[in-house]
Amino acid sequence: MFKLFISALLLVGFTANADHHFSKSDIKNILFTDNNTIIFELNNGDAFEGSVLTKRTCPIKRNYHKIYFTDDLVGNSFVIMDASGLKTCKWGALEKS
């Protein structure tokens, strides 16, 4: 019984600490702020933000051509194709804003 209780607590703890993941088709807009924050605006009106980890490869102050996600779910990075080639933009854990 004790093992079952501990397992249930761990499961709830892992679920509570999980990063927010959403599908790339749910994204309405991606914004970058001057203080190195990325903001994902979703179609349902929610917004998630995180700290940019790779400031030199994220399009914070310039336009980009195409963004590619490696999976259907948005994790912690995407690939940007611009005039100079492919770059990876990574960010920290997303928080609902």
PDB file of N, CA and C in Angstrom:
ATOM      1  N   MET A   1       0.823  -1.187   0.000  1.00  0.00           N
ATOM      2  CA  MET A   1       0.000   0.000   0.000  1.00  0.00           C
ATOM      3  C   MET A   1       0.874   1.260   0.000  1.00  0.00           C
ATOM      4  N   PHE A   2       1.952   1.235   0.778  1.00  0.00           N
ATOM      5  CA  PHE A   2       2.847   2.381   0.860  1.00  0.00           C
ATOM      6  C   PHE A   2       3.501   2.660  -0.498  1.00  0.00           C
ATOM      7  N   LYS A   3       3.901   1.581  -1.205  1.00  0.00           N
ATOM      8  CA  LYS A   3       4.524   1.744  -2.518  1.00  0.00           C
ATOM      9  C   LYS A   3       3.544   2.356  -3.514  1.00  0.00           C
ATOM     10  N   LEU A   4       2.300   1.970  -3.425  1.00  0.00           N
ATOM     11  CA  LEU A   4       1.276   2.527  -4.305  1.00  0.00           C
ATOM     12  C   LEU A   4       1.087   4.015  -4.026  1.00  0.00           C
ATOM     13  N   PHE A   5       1.089   4.400  -2.768  1.00  0.00           N
ATOM     14  CA  PHE A   5       0.947   5.799  -2.381  1.00  0.00           C
ATOM     15  C   PHE A   5       2.128   6.632  -2.896  1.00  0.00           C
ATOM     16  N   ILE A   6       3.333   6.127  -2.725  1.00  0.00           N
ATOM     17  CA  ILE A   6       4.531   6.834  -3.203  1.00  0.00           C
ATOM     18  C   ILE A   6       4.500   6.945  -4.725  1.00  0.00           C
ATOM     19  N   SER A   7       4.100   5.891  -5.404  1.00  0.00           N
ATOM     20  CA  SER A   7       4.010   5.928  -6.869  1.00  0.00           C
ATOM     21  C   SER A   7       3.008   6.979  -7.330  1.00  0.00           C
ATOM     22  N   ALA A   8       1.878   7.067  -6.650  1.00  0.00           N
ATOM     23  CA  ALA A   8       0.866   8.066  -7.009  1.00  0.00           C
ATOM     24  C   ALA A   8       1.397   9.477  -6.789  1.00  0.00           C
ATOM     25  N   LEU A   9       2.110   9.710  -5.695  1.00  0.00           N
ATOM     26  CA  LEU A   9       2.686  11.031  -5.438  1.00  0.00           C
ATOM     27  C   LEU A   9       3.723  11.399  -6.498  1.00  0.00           C
ATOM     28  N   LEU A  10       4.552  10.457  -6.884  1.00  0.00           N
ATOM     29  CA  LEU A  10       5.544  10.720  -7.923  1.00  0.00           C
ATOM     30  C   LEU A  10       4.881  11.044  -9.249  1.00  0.00           C
ATOM     31  N   LEU A  11       3.850  10.304  -9.579  1.00  0.00           N
ATOM     32  CA  LEU A  11       3.143  10.547 -10.844  1.00  0.00           C
ATOM     33  C   LEU A  11       2.523  11.942 -10.857  1.00  0.00           C
ATOM     34  N   VAL A  12       1.911  12.343  -9.768  1.00  0.00           N
ATOM     35  CA  VAL A  12       1.321  13.679  -9.681  1.00  0.00           C
ATOM     36  C   VAL A  12       2.415  14.734  -9.734  1.00  0.00           C
ATOM     37  N   GLY A  13       3.535  14.498  -9.075  1.00  0.00           N
ATOM     38  CA  GLY A  13       4.642  15.443  -9.076  1.00  0.00           C
ATOM     39  C   GLY A  13       5.231  15.623 -10.464  1.00  0.00           C
ATOM     40  N   PHE A  14       5.432  14.533 -11.199  1.00  0.00           N
ATOM     41  CA  PHE A  14       5.975  14.644 -12.547  1.00  0.00           C
ATOM     42  C   PHE A  14       5.007  15.361 -13.468  1.00  0.00           C
ATOM     43  N   THR A  15       3.734  15.130 -13.295  1.00  0.00           N
ATOM     44  CA  THR A  15       2.735  15.796 -14.125  1.00  0.00           C
ATOM     45  C   THR A  15       2.687  17.285 -13.816  1.00  0.00           C
ATOM     46  N   ALA A  16       2.795  17.644 -12.553  1.00  0.00           N
ATOM     47  CA  ALA A  16       2.731  19.056 -12.167  1.00  0.00           C
ATOM     48  C   ALA A  16       3.955  19.825 -12.647  1.00  0.00           C
ATOM     49  N   ASN A  17       5.106  19.170 -12.744  1.00  0.00           N
ATOM     50  CA  ASN A  17       6.331  19.848 -13.151  1.00  0.00           C
ATOM     51  C   ASN A  17       6.610  19.729 -14.640  1.00  0.00           C
ATOM     52  N   ALA A  18       5.733  19.124 -15.395  1.00  0.00           N
ATOM     53  CA  ALA A  18       5.972  18.931 -16.823  1.00  0.00           C
ATOM     54  C   ALA A  18       5.906  20.260 -17.564  1.00  0.00           C
ATOM     55  N   ASP A  19       6.735  20.378 -18.607  1.00  0.00           N
ATOM     56  CA  ASP A  19       6.694  21.567 -19.446  1.00  0.00           C
ATOM     57  C   ASP A  19       5.390  21.579 -20.228  1.00  0.00           C
ATOM     58  N   HIS A  20       4.982  22.760 -20.624  1.00  0.00           N
ATOM     59  CA  HIS A  20       3.786  22.886 -21.441  1.00  0.00           C
ATOM     60  C   HIS A  20       4.154  22.540 -22.881  1.00  0.00           C
ATOM     61  N   HIS A  21       3.468  21.575 -23.438  1.00  0.00           N
ATOM     62  CA  HIS A  21       3.690  21.204 -24.823  1.00  0.00           C
ATOM     63  C   HIS A  21       2.384  21.385 -25.576  1.00  0.00           C
ATOM     64  N   PHE A  22       2.493  21.832 -26.804  1.00  0.00           N
ATOM     65  CA  PHE A  22       1.328  22.017 -27.646  1.00  0.00           C
ATOM     66  C   PHE A  22       1.738  21.719 -29.070  1.00  0.00           C
ATOM     67  N   SER A  23       0.758  21.523 -29.911  1.00  0.00           N
ATOM     68  CA  SER A  23       1.018  21.171 -31.301  1.00  0.00           C
ATOM     69  C   SER A  23       1.396  22.407 -32.097  1.00  0.00           C
ATOM     70  N   LYS A  24       2.232  22.211 -33.106  1.00  0.00           N
ATOM     71  CA  LYS A  24       2.625  23.356 -33.934  1.00  0.00           C
ATOM     72  C   LYS A  24       1.442  23.936 -34.694  1.00  0.00           C
ATOM     73  N   SER A  25       0.410  23.145 -34.912  1.00  0.00           N
ATOM     74  CA  SER A  25      -0.784  23.669 -35.588  1.00  0.00           C
ATOM     75  C   SER A  25      -1.618  24.559 -34.670  1.00  0.00           C
ATOM     76  N   ASP A  26      -1.351  24.523 -33.349  1.00  0.00           N
ATOM     77  CA  ASP A  26      -2.055  25.370 -32.387  1.00  0.00           C
ATOM     78  C   ASP A  26      -1.488  26.787 -32.319  1.00  0.00           C
ATOM     79  N   ILE A  27      -0.323  27.023 -32.926  1.00  0.00           N
ATOM     80  CA  ILE A  27       0.356  28.307 -32.816  1.00  0.00           C
ATOM     81  C   ILE A  27      -0.242  29.321 -33.776  1.00  0.00           C
ATOM     82  N   LYS A  28      -0.605  30.463 -33.229  1.00  0.00           N
ATOM     83  CA  LYS A  28      -1.105  31.568 -34.041  1.00  0.00           C
ATOM     84  C   LYS A  28       0.022  32.529 -34.399  1.00  0.00           C
ATOM     85  N   ASN A  29       0.930  32.792 -33.429  1.00  0.00           N
ATOM     86  CA  ASN A  29       1.984  33.762 -33.639  1.00  0.00           C
ATOM     87  C   ASN A  29       3.157  33.444 -32.706  1.00  0.00           C
ATOM     88  N   ILE A  30       4.379  33.747 -33.166  1.00  0.00           N
ATOM     89  CA  ILE A  30       5.580  33.616 -32.348  1.00  0.00           C
ATOM     90  C   ILE A  30       6.220  34.987 -32.258  1.00  0.00           C
ATOM     91  N   LEU A  31       6.430  35.461 -31.032  1.00  0.00           N
ATOM     92  CA  LEU A  31       7.004  36.787 -30.814  1.00  0.00           C
ATOM     93  C   LEU A  31       8.301  36.679 -30.030  1.00  0.00           C
ATOM     94  N   PHE A  32       9.220  37.593 -30.296  1.00  0.00           N
ATOM     95  CA  PHE A  32      10.450  37.714 -29.531  1.00  0.00           C
ATOM     96  C   PHE A  32      10.485  39.114 -28.930  1.00  0.00           C
ATOM     97  N   THR A  33      10.869  39.214 -27.663  1.00  0.00           N
ATOM     98  CA  THR A  33      10.955  40.517 -27.010  1.00  0.00           C
ATOM     99  C   THR A  33      12.412  40.951 -26.909  1.00  0.00           C
ATOM    100  N   ASP A  34      12.636  42.212 -26.566  1.00  0.00           N
ATOM    101  CA  ASP A  34      13.986  42.736 -26.426  1.00  0.00           C
ATOM    102  C   ASP A  34      14.724  42.150 -25.222  1.00  0.00           C
ATOM    103  N   ASN A  35      13.995  41.629 -24.262  1.00  0.00           N
ATOM    104  CA  ASN A  35      14.647  41.047 -23.081  1.00  0.00           C
ATOM    105  C   ASN A  35      14.817  39.531 -23.222  1.00  0.00           C
ATOM    106  N   ASN A  36      14.975  39.055 -24.467  1.00  0.00           N
ATOM    107  CA  ASN A  36      15.279  37.653 -24.780  1.00  0.00           C
ATOM    108  C   ASN A  36      14.216  36.674 -24.288  1.00  0.00           C
ATOM    109  N   THR A  37      12.984  36.999 -24.542  1.00  0.00           N
ATOM    110  CA  THR A  37      11.862  36.129 -24.220  1.00  0.00           C
ATOM    111  C   THR A  37      11.155  35.752 -25.507  1.00  0.00           C
ATOM    112  N   ILE A  38      10.758  34.487 -25.602  1.00  0.00           N
ATOM    113  CA  ILE A  38       9.954  34.030 -26.729  1.00  0.00           C
ATOM    114  C   ILE A  38       8.526  33.836 -26.225  1.00  0.00           C
ATOM    115  N   ILE A  39       7.563  34.260 -27.028  1.00  0.00           N
ATOM    116  CA  ILE A  39       6.151  34.147 -26.661  1.00  0.00           C
ATOM    117  C   ILE A  39       5.421  33.428 -27.776  1.00  0.00           C
ATOM    118  N   PHE A  40       4.718  32.360 -27.416  1.00  0.00           N
ATOM    119  CA  PHE A  40       3.876  31.628 -28.355  1.00  0.00           C
ATOM    120  C   PHE A  40       2.430  32.005 -28.083  1.00  0.00           C
ATOM    121  N   GLU A  41       1.772  32.625 -29.044  1.00  0.00           N
ATOM    122  CA  GLU A  41       0.340  32.899 -28.936  1.00  0.00           C
ATOM    123  C   GLU A  41      -0.388  31.759 -29.641  1.00  0.00           C
ATOM    124  N   LEU A  42      -1.355  31.165 -28.941  1.00  0.00           N
ATOM    125  CA  LEU A  42      -2.084  30.032 -29.484  1.00  0.00           C
ATOM    126  C   LEU A  42      -3.427  30.455 -30.051  1.00  0.00           C
ATOM    127  N   ASN A  43      -3.986  29.599 -30.874  1.00  0.00           N
ATOM    128  CA  ASN A  43      -5.277  29.883 -31.512  1.00  0.00           C
ATOM    129  C   ASN A  43      -6.405  30.045 -30.502  1.00  0.00           C
ATOM    130  N   ASN A  44      -6.306  29.375 -29.340  1.00  0.00           N
ATOM    131  CA  ASN A  44      -7.381  29.452 -28.345  1.00  0.00           C
ATOM    132  C   ASN A  44      -7.248  30.661 -27.412  1.00  0.00           C
ATOM    133  N   GLY A  45      -6.258  31.540 -27.661  1.00  0.00           N
ATOM    134  CA  GLY A  45      -6.087  32.737 -26.856  1.00  0.00           C
ATOM    135  C   GLY A  45      -5.042  32.619 -25.764  1.00  0.00           C
ATOM    136  N   ASP A  46      -4.573  31.413 -25.456  1.00  0.00           N
ATOM    137  CA  ASP A  46      -3.527  31.238 -24.454  1.00  0.00           C
ATOM    138  C   ASP A  46      -2.194  31.729 -24.999  1.00  0.00           C
ATOM    139  N   ALA A  47      -1.288  32.052 -24.092  1.00  0.00           N
ATOM    140  CA  ALA A  47       0.067  32.465 -24.468  1.00  0.00           C
ATOM    141  C   ALA A  47       1.057  31.807 -23.514  1.00  0.00           C
ATOM    142  N   PHE A  48       2.167  31.339 -24.053  1.00  0.00           N
ATOM    143  CA  PHE A  48       3.231  30.734 -23.274  1.00  0.00           C
ATOM    144  C   PHE A  48       4.522  31.470 -23.576  1.00  0.00           C
ATOM    145  N   GLU A  49       5.328  31.687 -22.545  1.00  0.00           N
ATOM    146  CA  GLU A  49       6.586  32.379 -22.760  1.00  0.00           C
ATOM    147  C   GLU A  49       7.721  31.654 -22.052  1.00  0.00           C
ATOM    148  N   GLY A  50       8.927  31.827 -22.609  1.00  0.00           N
ATOM    149  CA  GLY A  50      10.118  31.216 -22.043  1.00  0.00           C
ATOM    150  C   GLY A  50      11.334  32.064 -22.358  1.00  0.00           C
ATOM    151  N   SER A  51      12.424  31.792 -21.678  1.00  0.00           N
ATOM    152  CA  SER A  51      13.670  32.524 -21.894  1.00  0.00           C
ATOM    153  C   SER A  51      14.439  31.916 -23.063  1.00  0.00           C
ATOM    154  N   VAL A  52      14.917  32.765 -23.956  1.00  0.00           N
ATOM    155  CA  VAL A  52      15.709  32.307 -25.092  1.00  0.00           C
ATOM    156  C   VAL A  52      17.086  31.915 -24.576  1.00  0.00           C
ATOM    157  N   LEU A  53      17.535  30.696 -24.923  1.00  0.00           N
ATOM    158  CA  LEU A  53      18.835  30.208 -24.488  1.00  0.00           C
ATOM    159  C   LEU A  53      19.928  30.443 -25.523  1.00  0.00           C
ATOM    160  N   THR A  54      19.565  30.426 -26.790  1.00  0.00           N
ATOM    161  CA  THR A  54      20.538  30.618 -27.871  1.00  0.00           C
ATOM    162  C   THR A  54      20.257  31.959 -28.539  1.00  0.00           C
ATOM    163  N   LYS A  55      20.695  33.025 -27.909  1.00  0.00           N
ATOM    164  CA  LYS A  55      20.362  34.377 -28.355  1.00  0.00           C
ATOM    165  C   LYS A  55      20.931  34.708 -29.728  1.00  0.00           C
ATOM    166  N   ARG A  56      22.073  34.126 -30.074  1.00  0.00           N
ATOM    167  CA  ARG A  56      22.709  34.449 -31.349  1.00  0.00           C
ATOM    168  C   ARG A  56      22.007  33.786 -32.535  1.00  0.00           C
ATOM    169  N   THR A  57      21.254  32.731 -32.303  1.00  0.00           N
ATOM    170  CA  THR A  57      20.624  32.024 -33.417  1.00  0.00           C
ATOM    171  C   THR A  57      19.115  32.204 -33.471  1.00  0.00           C
ATOM    172  N   CYS A  58      18.541  32.946 -32.557  1.00  0.00           N
ATOM    173  CA  CYS A  58      17.100  33.216 -32.604  1.00  0.00           C
ATOM    174  C   CYS A  58      16.868  34.570 -33.270  1.00  0.00           C
ATOM    175  N   PRO A  59      15.822  34.682 -34.053  1.00  0.00           N
ATOM    176  CA  PRO A  59      15.576  35.926 -34.814  1.00  0.00           C
ATOM    177  C   PRO A  59      14.952  37.025 -33.966  1.00  0.00           C
ATOM    178  N   ILE A  60      15.668  37.483 -32.949  1.00  0.00           N
ATOM    179  CA  ILE A  60      15.112  38.460 -32.012  1.00  0.00           C
ATOM    180  C   ILE A  60      14.922  39.825 -32.669  1.00  0.00           C
ATOM    181  N   LYS A  61      15.870  40.270 -33.465  1.00  0.00           N
ATOM    182  CA  LYS A  61      15.783  41.612 -34.037  1.00  0.00           C
ATOM    183  C   LYS A  61      15.797  41.617 -35.560  1.00  0.00           C
ATOM    184  N   ARG A  62      15.495  40.513 -36.202  1.00  0.00           N
ATOM    185  CA  ARG A  62      15.478  40.505 -37.667  1.00  0.00           C
ATOM    186  C   ARG A  62      14.429  39.528 -38.164  1.00  0.00           C
ATOM    187  N   ASN A  63      14.099  39.664 -39.401  1.00  0.00           N
ATOM    188  CA  ASN A  63      13.110  38.777 -40.003  1.00  0.00           C
ATOM    189  C   ASN A  63      13.755  37.434 -40.336  1.00  0.00           C
ATOM    190  N   TYR A  64      12.963  36.413 -40.348  1.00  0.00           N
ATOM    191  CA  TYR A  64      13.430  35.087 -40.712  1.00  0.00           C
ATOM    192  C   TYR A  64      12.541  34.569 -41.832  1.00  0.00           C
ATOM    193  N   HIS A  65      13.018  33.558 -42.513  1.00  0.00           N
ATOM    194  CA  HIS A  65      12.280  33.066 -43.669  1.00  0.00           C
ATOM    195  C   HIS A  65      11.324  31.942 -43.307  1.00  0.00           C
ATOM    196  N   LYS A  66      11.832  30.848 -42.776  1.00  0.00           N
ATOM    197  CA  LYS A  66      10.974  29.717 -42.448  1.00  0.00           C
ATOM    198  C   LYS A  66      11.382  29.128 -41.117  1.00  0.00           C
ATOM    199  N   ILE A  67      10.395  28.598 -40.405  1.00  0.00           N
ATOM    200  CA  ILE A  67      10.634  27.915 -39.134  1.00  0.00           C
ATOM    201  C   ILE A  67      10.180  26.471 -39.297  1.00  0.00           C
ATOM    202  N   TYR A  68      11.019  25.545 -38.823  1.00  0.00           N
ATOM    203  CA  TYR A  68      10.709  24.126 -38.873  1.00  0.00           C
ATOM    204  C   TYR A  68      10.780  23.535 -37.480  1.00  0.00           C
ATOM    205  N   PHE A  69       9.727  22.830 -37.073  1.00  0.00           N
ATOM    206  CA  PHE A  69       9.728  22.086 -35.824  1.00  0.00           C
ATOM    207  C   PHE A  69      10.072  20.644 -36.145  1.00  0.00           C
ATOM    208  N   THR A  70      10.857  19.982 -35.290  1.00  0.00           N
ATOM    209  CA  THR A  70      11.270  18.615 -35.562  1.00  0.00           C
ATOM    210  C   THR A  70      10.137  17.622 -35.337  1.00  0.00           C
ATOM    211  N   ASP A  71       9.214  17.927 -34.451  1.00  0.00           N
ATOM    212  CA  ASP A  71       8.067  17.057 -34.174  1.00  0.00           C
ATOM    213  C   ASP A  71       6.783  17.864 -34.300  1.00  0.00           C
ATOM    214  N   ASP A  72       5.657  17.173 -34.202  1.00  0.00           N
ATOM    215  CA  ASP A  72       4.378  17.872 -34.227  1.00  0.00           C
ATOM    216  C   ASP A  72       4.181  18.672 -32.946  1.00  0.00           C
ATOM    217  N   LEU A  73       4.697  18.152 -31.817  1.00  0.00           N
ATOM    218  CA  LEU A  73       4.601  18.878 -30.553  1.00  0.00           C
ATOM    219  C   LEU A  73       5.774  19.834 -30.424  1.00  0.00           C
ATOM    220  N   VAL A  74       5.496  21.026 -29.937  1.00  0.00           N
ATOM    221  CA  VAL A  74       6.536  22.029 -29.723  1.00  0.00           C
ATOM    222  C   VAL A  74       7.228  21.697 -28.405  1.00  0.00           C
ATOM    223  N   GLY A  75       8.521  21.528 -28.447  1.00  0.00           N
ATOM    224  CA  GLY A  75       9.290  21.199 -27.251  1.00  0.00           C
ATOM    225  C   GLY A  75      10.066  22.403 -26.758  1.00  0.00           C
ATOM    226  N   ASN A  76      11.380  22.408 -27.027  1.00  0.00           N
ATOM    227  CA  ASN A  76      12.216  23.514 -26.558  1.00  0.00           C
ATOM    228  C   ASN A  76      13.097  24.098 -27.661  1.00  0.00           C
ATOM    229  N   SER A  77      12.799  23.814 -28.930  1.00  0.00           N
ATOM    230  CA  SER A  77      13.612  24.376 -30.010  1.00  0.00           C
ATOM    231  C   SER A  77      12.891  24.276 -31.345  1.00  0.00           C
ATOM    232  N   PHE A  78      13.356  25.084 -32.294  1.00  0.00           N
ATOM    233  CA  PHE A  78      12.965  24.937 -33.688  1.00  0.00           C
ATOM    234  C   PHE A  78      14.135  25.358 -34.553  1.00  0.00           C
ATOM    235  N   VAL A  79      14.064  24.992 -35.838  1.00  0.00           N
ATOM    236  CA  VAL A  79      15.121  25.307 -36.790  1.00  0.00           C
ATOM    237  C   VAL A  79      14.644  26.453 -37.667  1.00  0.00           C
ATOM    238  N   ILE A  80      15.527  27.425 -37.885  1.00  0.00           N
ATOM    239  CA  ILE A  80      15.222  28.591 -38.706  1.00  0.00           C
ATOM    240  C   ILE A  80      16.066  28.516 -39.966  1.00  0.00           C
ATOM    241  N   MET A  81      15.433  28.715 -41.107  1.00  0.00           N
ATOM    242  CA  MET A  81      16.175  28.805 -42.354  1.00  0.00           C
ATOM    243  C   MET A  81      16.145  30.256 -42.808  1.00  0.00           C
ATOM    244  N   ASP A  82      17.325  30.886 -42.858  1.00  0.00           N
ATOM    245  CA  ASP A  82      17.417  32.256 -43.361  1.00  0.00           C
ATOM    246  C   ASP A  82      18.480  32.301 -44.452  1.00  0.00           C
ATOM    247  N   ALA A  83      18.871  33.477 -44.856  1.00  0.00           N
ATOM    248  CA  ALA A  83      19.801  33.626 -45.976  1.00  0.00           C
ATOM    249  C   ALA A  83      21.165  33.001 -45.699  1.00  0.00           C
ATOM    250  N   SER A  84      21.557  32.917 -44.434  1.00  0.00           N
ATOM    251  CA  SER A  84      22.876  32.361 -44.116  1.00  0.00           C
ATOM    252  C   SER A  84      22.845  30.864 -43.822  1.00  0.00           C
ATOM    253  N   GLY A  85      21.694  30.227 -43.861  1.00  0.00           N
ATOM    254  CA  GLY A  85      21.603  28.780 -43.643  1.00  0.00           C
ATOM    255  C   GLY A  85      20.643  28.419 -42.538  1.00  0.00           C
ATOM    256  N   LEU A  86      20.858  27.223 -41.974  1.00  0.00           N
ATOM    257  CA  LEU A  86      19.997  26.705 -40.910  1.00  0.00           C
ATOM    258  C   LEU A  86      20.601  27.011 -39.545  1.00  0.00           C
ATOM    259  N   LYS A  87      19.734  27.406 -38.609  1.00  0.00           N
ATOM    260  CA  LYS A  87      20.134  27.694 -37.232  1.00  0.00           C
ATOM    261  C   LYS A  87      19.083  27.121 -36.304  1.00  0.00           C
ATOM    262  N   THR A  88      19.502  26.774 -35.098  1.00  0.00           N
ATOM    263  CA  THR A  88      18.580  26.248 -34.097  1.00  0.00           C
ATOM    264  C   THR A  88      18.360  27.286 -33.013  1.00  0.00           C
ATOM    265  N   CYS A  89      17.098  27.560 -32.744  1.00  0.00           N
ATOM    266  CA  CYS A  89      16.712  28.478 -31.679  1.00  0.00           C
ATOM    267  C   CYS A  89      16.167  27.646 -30.519  1.00  0.00           C
ATOM    268  N   LYS A  90      16.775  27.795 -29.325  1.00  0.00           N
ATOM    269  CA  LYS A  90      16.340  27.040 -28.153  1.00  0.00           C
ATOM    270  C   LYS A  90      15.895  27.989 -27.049  1.00  0.00           C
ATOM    271  N   TRP A  91      14.961  27.517 -26.243  1.00  0.00           N
ATOM    272  CA  TRP A  91      14.449  28.307 -25.126  1.00  0.00           C
ATOM    273  C   TRP A  91      14.258  27.410 -23.916  1.00  0.00           C
ATOM    274  N   GLY A  92      14.119  28.057 -22.756  1.00  0.00           N
ATOM    275  CA  GLY A  92      13.904  27.341 -21.494  1.00  0.00           C
ATOM    276  C   GLY A  92      12.448  26.916 -21.351  1.00  0.00           C
ATOM    277  N   ALA A  93      12.110  26.443 -20.183  1.00  0.00           N
ATOM    278  CA  ALA A  93      10.753  25.962 -19.914  1.00  0.00           C
ATOM    279  C   ALA A  93       9.730  27.050 -20.171  1.00  0.00           C
ATOM    280  N   LEU A  94       8.628  26.671 -20.780  1.00  0.00           N
ATOM    281  CA  LEU A  94       7.568  27.623 -21.101  1.00  0.00           C
ATOM    282  C   LEU A  94       6.604  27.735 -19.916  1.00  0.00           C
ATOM    283  N   GLU A  95       6.225  28.951 -19.622  1.00  0.00           N
ATOM    284  CA  GLU A  95       5.256  29.245 -18.570  1.00  0.00           C
ATOM    285  C   GLU A  95       4.040  29.903 -19.199  1.00  0.00           C
ATOM    286  N   LYS A  96       2.862  29.575 -18.698  1.00  0.00           N
ATOM    287  CA  LYS A  96       1.649  30.235 -19.203  1.00  0.00           C
ATOM    288  C   LYS A  96       1.624  31.672 -18.711  1.00  0.00           C
ATOM    289  N   SER A  97       1.386  32.607 -19.638  1.00  0.00           N
ATOM    290  CA  SER A  97       1.377  34.018 -19.240  1.00  0.00           C
ATOM    291  C   SER A  97      -0.018  34.588 -19.240  1.00  0.00           C
TER     292      SER A  97
END
